[in-house]
Structures are given as C-alpha cells and as structure tokens.
N, C-alpha and C. Protein backbone atom coordinates (compact mmCIF):
# COMPACT_ATOMS: atom_id res chain seq x y z
N MET A 1 0.69 -1.07 -0.28
CA MET A 1 0.07 0.38 0.06
C MET A 1 0.71 1.36 0.45
N ILE A 2 0.26 2.26 -0.79
CA ILE A 2 0.98 3.53 -0.73
C ILE A 2 0.80 4.39 0.22
N ARG A 3 1.59 5.09 1.20
CA ARG A 3 1.61 6.04 2.10
C ARG A 3 1.86 6.86 1.75
N THR A 4 1.26 8.01 1.79
CA THR A 4 1.29 9.47 0.85
C THR A 4 1.94 10.74 2.39
N GLY A 5 1.35 10.75 2.96
CA GLY A 5 2.00 11.37 4.56
C GLY A 5 1.97 12.58 4.02
N ASN A 6 3.14 13.68 3.55
CA ASN A 6 3.27 14.25 3.18
C ASN A 6 3.63 14.93 1.91
N VAL A 7 3.65 13.79 1.03
CA VAL A 7 3.90 14.10 0.06
C VAL A 7 3.37 14.97 -1.05
N GLN A 8 3.26 15.40 -2.29
CA GLN A 8 2.62 16.30 -2.98
C GLN A 8 1.90 14.49 -4.49
N VAL A 9 0.77 14.84 -4.43
CA VAL A 9 0.23 13.90 -5.82
C VAL A 9 -0.60 14.78 -6.86
N TRP A 10 0.46 14.20 -8.21
CA TRP A 10 -0.28 15.08 -9.55
C TRP A 10 -0.08 14.42 -10.10
N LEU A 11 -1.39 14.40 -11.02
CA LEU A 11 -2.84 13.77 -11.40
C LEU A 11 -2.11 13.78 -12.84
N ALA A 12 -1.34 13.33 -14.33
CA ALA A 12 -1.40 13.37 -15.37
C ALA A 12 -2.98 14.26 -15.91
N GLY A 13 -2.61 15.53 -16.26
CA GLY A 13 -4.43 15.97 -17.18
C GLY A 13 -4.62 14.38 -18.49
N THR A 14 -3.47 14.15 -18.88
CA THR A 14 -3.91 13.27 -20.22
C THR A 14 -3.81 12.30 -20.13
N PRO A 15 -4.34 10.71 -21.02
CA PRO A 15 -3.43 9.74 -20.80
C PRO A 15 -1.90 9.71 -20.77
N ILE A 16 -1.66 8.44 -21.24
CA ILE A 16 -0.28 8.34 -21.31
C ILE A 16 -0.21 6.74 -22.31
N ASP A 17 0.62 6.44 -22.85
CA ASP A 17 1.19 4.92 -23.25
C ASP A 17 1.47 4.38 -21.82
N MET A 18 0.78 3.32 -21.62
CA MET A 18 1.21 2.92 -20.19
C MET A 18 1.98 1.89 -20.30
N ARG A 19 2.50 1.60 -21.73
CA ARG A 19 4.21 1.16 -21.96
C ARG A 19 5.17 1.25 -21.16
N ARG A 20 4.96 3.07 -21.36
CA ARG A 20 6.45 3.79 -20.76
C ARG A 20 6.86 2.79 -18.79
N SER A 21 8.48 3.03 -18.87
CA SER A 21 8.48 2.81 -17.62
C SER A 21 9.19 3.78 -17.04
N PHE A 22 10.32 3.40 -16.18
CA PHE A 22 10.97 4.43 -15.36
C PHE A 22 11.18 5.84 -15.75
N ASP A 23 12.33 5.11 -17.12
CA ASP A 23 12.75 6.34 -17.51
C ASP A 23 11.57 7.27 -18.29
N GLY A 24 10.94 6.85 -19.64
CA GLY A 24 10.02 6.90 -20.59
C GLY A 24 8.66 8.29 -19.32
N LEU A 25 8.64 7.78 -18.05
CA LEU A 25 7.76 8.09 -17.24
C LEU A 25 8.42 9.33 -16.77
N ALA A 26 9.38 9.72 -16.34
CA ALA A 26 10.42 10.56 -15.85
C ALA A 26 10.35 11.76 -16.57
N GLU A 27 10.77 10.92 -17.75
CA GLU A 27 10.84 12.21 -18.86
C GLU A 27 9.56 12.83 -19.24
N HIS A 28 9.07 12.21 -19.21
CA HIS A 28 6.74 13.03 -19.15
C HIS A 28 6.50 13.98 -18.04
N VAL A 29 7.64 13.37 -16.80
CA VAL A 29 7.16 14.29 -15.79
C VAL A 29 8.05 15.85 -16.07
N ARG A 30 9.17 15.36 -16.74
CA ARG A 30 10.60 16.72 -16.99
C ARG A 30 9.24 17.99 -17.84
N ALA A 31 9.18 16.73 -19.03
CA ALA A 31 9.53 17.70 -20.49
C ALA A 31 7.48 18.37 -20.84
N PHE A 32 7.03 17.32 -20.18
CA PHE A 32 5.28 17.66 -20.21
C PHE A 32 4.32 18.47 -19.35
N LEU A 33 4.80 17.71 -18.22
CA LEU A 33 4.04 18.36 -17.15
C LEU A 33 4.94 19.87 -16.09
N GLY A 34 6.60 19.74 -16.69
CA GLY A 34 7.06 20.08 -15.73
C GLY A 34 7.16 20.38 -14.28
N HIS A 35 7.60 18.80 -14.17
CA HIS A 35 8.04 18.68 -12.39
C HIS A 35 9.70 18.49 -12.63
N ASP A 36 9.85 17.70 -11.25
CA ASP A 36 11.08 17.31 -11.48
C ASP A 36 10.23 15.49 -10.86
N PRO A 37 11.21 14.83 -11.50
CA PRO A 37 10.48 13.77 -11.30
C PRO A 37 11.28 12.95 -10.23
N LEU A 38 12.37 13.49 -9.28
CA LEU A 38 13.30 13.39 -8.03
C LEU A 38 12.97 14.02 -7.36
N SER A 39 11.72 14.51 -7.07
CA SER A 39 10.84 16.32 -6.06
C SER A 39 10.54 15.19 -4.58
N GLY A 40 10.74 14.26 -5.14
CA GLY A 40 9.34 13.16 -4.00
C GLY A 40 7.93 13.55 -3.91
N SER A 41 7.46 14.25 -4.95
CA SER A 41 5.74 13.84 -5.32
C SER A 41 6.03 12.96 -6.39
N MET A 42 4.60 12.21 -6.13
CA MET A 42 3.56 11.08 -6.52
C MET A 42 3.10 11.38 -8.00
N PHE A 43 3.86 10.94 -9.10
CA PHE A 43 2.58 11.70 -10.86
C PHE A 43 2.12 10.39 -10.66
N VAL A 44 0.68 9.87 -11.21
CA VAL A 44 -0.13 9.77 -11.42
C VAL A 44 -0.92 9.19 -12.73
N PHE A 45 -0.21 8.43 -13.82
CA PHE A 45 -0.89 8.47 -14.93
C PHE A 45 -2.44 7.28 -15.35
N ARG A 46 -2.44 7.72 -16.50
CA ARG A 46 -3.86 6.89 -17.02
C ARG A 46 -3.76 6.40 -17.78
N ASN A 47 -4.43 5.46 -18.25
CA ASN A 47 -4.23 5.30 -19.61
C ASN A 47 -5.84 5.37 -20.40
N ARG A 48 -5.98 5.47 -21.67
CA ARG A 48 -7.07 6.17 -22.85
C ARG A 48 -8.10 5.08 -22.00
N SER A 49 -8.29 3.82 -21.69
CA SER A 49 -9.70 4.01 -21.00
C SER A 49 -10.21 4.49 -19.84
N SER A 50 -8.85 3.89 -18.76
CA SER A 50 -8.55 4.79 -17.70
C SER A 50 -8.85 3.58 -17.25
N GLN A 51 -8.80 2.72 -16.73
CA GLN A 51 -8.65 0.93 -16.73
C GLN A 51 -7.26 0.54 -16.26
N ARG A 52 -6.11 1.84 -16.54
CA ARG A 52 -5.13 1.54 -15.58
C ARG A 52 -4.48 2.84 -14.79
N VAL A 53 -4.02 2.60 -13.78
CA VAL A 53 -2.93 3.36 -13.66
C VAL A 53 -1.63 3.00 -13.11
N LYS A 54 -0.92 4.21 -13.45
CA LYS A 54 0.99 3.95 -13.04
C LYS A 54 1.31 5.46 -12.18
N ILE A 55 1.76 5.05 -11.60
CA ILE A 55 2.30 5.78 -9.85
C ILE A 55 3.97 6.27 -10.21
N LEU A 56 4.85 6.69 -10.96
CA LEU A 56 6.29 7.23 -10.57
C LEU A 56 6.22 8.51 -9.00
N TRP A 57 7.49 7.58 -8.59
CA TRP A 57 7.92 8.43 -7.44
C TRP A 57 9.02 7.97 -6.53
N TRP A 58 9.56 9.08 -6.74
CA TRP A 58 10.99 8.62 -6.45
C TRP A 58 11.08 8.94 -4.42
N ASP A 59 10.97 8.15 -4.36
CA ASP A 59 11.21 7.53 -2.75
C ASP A 59 12.76 7.53 -2.09
N GLN A 60 13.08 8.25 -2.80
CA GLN A 60 14.91 8.61 -2.01
C GLN A 60 15.66 7.65 -2.48
N ASP A 61 15.35 6.48 -2.56
CA ASP A 61 16.22 5.41 -2.90
C ASP A 61 16.30 5.33 -4.24
N GLY A 62 15.38 5.56 -5.00
CA GLY A 62 15.39 4.81 -6.06
C GLY A 62 13.75 5.55 -6.79
N LEU A 63 13.51 5.26 -8.20
CA LEU A 63 12.20 5.47 -8.50
C LEU A 63 11.49 4.46 -8.40
N ALA A 64 10.04 4.31 -7.80
CA ALA A 64 9.48 3.24 -8.43
C ALA A 64 8.19 3.63 -8.60
N ILE A 65 7.16 2.28 -9.21
CA ILE A 65 6.15 2.04 -9.86
C ILE A 65 5.47 1.79 -9.48
N TYR A 66 4.05 2.40 -9.30
CA TYR A 66 2.80 1.58 -8.57
C TYR A 66 1.94 0.94 -10.27
N TYR A 67 1.51 0.10 -10.49
CA TYR A 67 0.16 0.16 -11.45
C TYR A 67 -0.56 -1.07 -11.02
N LYS A 68 -1.64 -0.14 -11.46
CA LYS A 68 -3.08 -0.99 -11.09
C LYS A 68 -4.27 -1.22 -11.98
N ARG A 69 -4.94 -1.93 -11.93
CA ARG A 69 -6.01 -2.11 -13.41
C ARG A 69 -7.29 -2.85 -12.71
N LEU A 70 -8.20 -2.30 -13.08
CA LEU A 70 -9.46 -2.43 -12.43
C LEU A 70 -9.85 -2.93 -13.62
N GLU A 71 -10.81 -4.38 -12.49
CA GLU A 71 -11.41 -5.41 -12.67
C GLU A 71 -12.41 -5.43 -13.97
N ARG A 72 -13.27 -3.73 -13.49
CA ARG A 72 -14.20 -3.46 -13.90
C ARG A 72 -13.88 -1.94 -13.53
N GLY A 73 -15.24 -1.57 -13.97
CA GLY A 73 -15.35 0.25 -14.55
C GLY A 73 -14.27 0.96 -14.57
N THR A 74 -13.77 2.17 -14.43
CA THR A 74 -12.57 2.65 -14.65
C THR A 74 -12.55 3.96 -13.43
N PHE A 75 -10.53 3.85 -13.70
CA PHE A 75 -10.54 4.73 -12.86
C PHE A 75 -11.17 6.13 -12.83
N GLN A 76 -11.84 7.38 -11.82
CA GLN A 76 -12.54 8.19 -12.04
C GLN A 76 -12.09 9.27 -11.76
N PHE A 77 -10.81 10.29 -13.07
CA PHE A 77 -10.17 10.86 -12.87
C PHE A 77 -11.01 12.09 -12.91
N PRO A 78 -10.92 13.23 -11.75
CA PRO A 78 -11.27 14.87 -12.32
C PRO A 78 -10.99 15.14 -13.54
N ALA A 79 -11.91 16.00 -14.05
CA ALA A 79 -11.64 17.13 -15.61
C ALA A 79 -10.84 17.37 -15.00
N ALA A 80 -9.22 18.14 -15.86
CA ALA A 80 -8.11 19.09 -15.39
C ALA A 80 -8.38 20.18 -16.12
N GLY A 81 -8.97 19.76 -17.50
CA GLY A 81 -9.55 21.28 -18.31
C GLY A 81 -8.70 21.54 -19.36
N ASP A 82 -7.43 22.33 -19.49
CA ASP A 82 -6.12 22.68 -20.13
C ASP A 82 -5.01 22.45 -19.24
N GLN A 83 -5.39 22.47 -17.81
CA GLN A 83 -3.95 22.20 -17.22
C GLN A 83 -3.56 20.78 -17.43
N LYS A 84 -1.94 20.80 -17.61
CA LYS A 84 -1.28 19.84 -17.57
C LYS A 84 -1.16 18.71 -16.29
N SER A 85 -0.69 18.94 -14.85
CA SER A 85 -1.68 18.04 -13.71
C SER A 85 -2.40 18.87 -13.07
N LEU A 86 -2.73 18.53 -12.54
CA LEU A 86 -4.10 18.32 -11.45
C LEU A 86 -3.30 17.79 -9.83
N ALA A 87 -3.07 18.94 -8.96
CA ALA A 87 -2.72 18.24 -7.65
C ALA A 87 -3.78 17.83 -6.70
N ILE A 88 -3.75 16.56 -6.23
CA ILE A 88 -5.02 16.31 -5.17
C ILE A 88 -4.61 16.23 -3.73
N ASP A 89 -5.08 16.16 -2.87
CA ASP A 89 -4.54 15.59 -1.91
C ASP A 89 -4.48 14.07 -1.27
N SER A 90 -4.29 13.23 -0.36
CA SER A 90 -3.83 11.50 0.03
C SER A 90 -5.47 11.12 -0.37
N ALA A 91 -6.34 11.79 0.22
CA ALA A 91 -7.70 11.50 0.55
C ALA A 91 -8.52 10.59 -0.66
N ALA A 92 -7.97 11.63 -1.78
CA ALA A 92 -8.50 11.23 -3.27
C ALA A 92 -7.39 10.68 -3.95
N LEU A 93 -6.75 10.39 -3.49
CA LEU A 93 -5.35 9.57 -4.25
C LEU A 93 -6.22 7.94 -4.02
N MET A 94 -6.50 7.85 -2.54
CA MET A 94 -6.58 6.85 -2.50
C MET A 94 -8.55 6.46 -2.70
N ARG A 95 -9.32 7.42 -2.59
CA ARG A 95 -10.43 7.39 -3.38
C ARG A 95 -10.36 6.70 -4.70
N LEU A 96 -9.28 7.44 -5.56
CA LEU A 96 -9.20 7.37 -6.95
C LEU A 96 -9.25 6.11 -7.21
N LEU A 97 -7.56 5.61 -6.38
CA LEU A 97 -7.03 3.87 -6.28
C LEU A 97 -8.35 3.27 -6.19
N SER A 98 -9.76 2.89 -5.22
CA SER A 98 -10.38 2.53 -5.10
C SER A 98 -11.60 2.35 -5.99
N GLY A 99 -11.64 3.36 -7.43
CA GLY A 99 -11.89 2.85 -8.56
C GLY A 99 -13.60 4.14 -8.29
N LEU A 100 -13.04 5.15 -7.04
CA LEU A 100 -14.27 5.91 -6.06
C LEU A 100 -13.92 7.42 -7.42
N ASP A 101 -15.25 7.62 -6.95
CA ASP A 101 -15.06 9.68 -8.01
C ASP A 101 -14.60 10.03 -6.72
N VAL A 102 -13.18 11.04 -7.48
CA VAL A 102 -12.06 11.82 -6.75
C VAL A 102 -13.15 13.02 -5.88
N ALA A 103 -14.22 13.33 -6.69
CA ALA A 103 -14.49 14.80 -6.68
C ALA A 103 -15.60 14.75 -5.46
N SER A 104 -15.79 13.79 -5.04
CA SER A 104 -17.00 12.81 -3.84
C SER A 104 -16.84 11.27 -3.68
N ALA A 105 -17.10 11.28 -2.30
CA ALA A 105 -16.53 9.57 -2.03
C ALA A 105 -17.88 8.65 -2.48
N ARG A 106 -18.98 9.41 -3.46
CA ARG A 106 -19.57 8.32 -3.81
C ARG A 106 -19.04 6.91 -4.82
N SER A 107 -19.58 6.31 -5.37
CA SER A 107 -18.89 5.23 -5.84
C SER A 107 -19.71 5.21 -7.07
N PRO A 108 -18.88 4.60 -8.03
CA PRO A 108 -19.62 5.02 -9.57
C PRO A 108 -20.00 3.83 -10.19
N ARG A 109 -20.99 3.91 -10.76
CA ARG A 109 -22.02 2.72 -11.70
C ARG A 109 -20.75 2.06 -12.56
N HIS A 110 -20.76 0.46 -12.57
CA HIS A 110 -20.38 0.08 -13.21
C HIS A 110 -20.47 -0.56 -14.44
C-alpha cells in the first residue's frame, strides 16, 4: 500500500502510453508536466480507457512504480481542463485507487 503522508500528488491531465517505464515516465514528468520526477512527489498517470493507472514516485532510494488495473469500471479522474497536471490530496488518491469518484465519496456505476 502506498502511504502519502506529506507527499504531493499530481494527476497527469491527459492519458499516456502504459508501455512507458521509469525513464519514459520520468521524462514525461520533466518535459510535459514541468515537474522534477526526483522531487519526492507522486505522479499519477492513466491509460486512454482509464482502466489502468501508474504512479511514479522517488522514494529517496530510487524511482518506484505502482501499477493497478481495474477488473470492472474505470478510474474516475477529475477533469483537468487545459491543465497539464492537477494536484490532489492523499484522501483523493486513495478514493481514486479504490475506483471511487475523486470529487465525491460516492461510488460510480460499473
């Protein structure tokens, strides 16, 4: 389980190719999102269908990737508008990873 504590959590505003691994995700964080992947923040990405998420996180020893796939339904990412990334708190991240709507505590229809 991921423990966020005081770690900033950033959601990528657009879907990415889930074949990306450490270096590809870190470069996306640098070049597209404009953040430092070694900052200690968590960067959350989704695929086009929103059934899979990857989290890239520097844990002081190296980069770590958390990868999750939902068997039914989709991850409920909030609308980012024209923003490249959107900050959320740890409670919203836990709701997101549970398949719940980030904006509210209600469960989406599957």
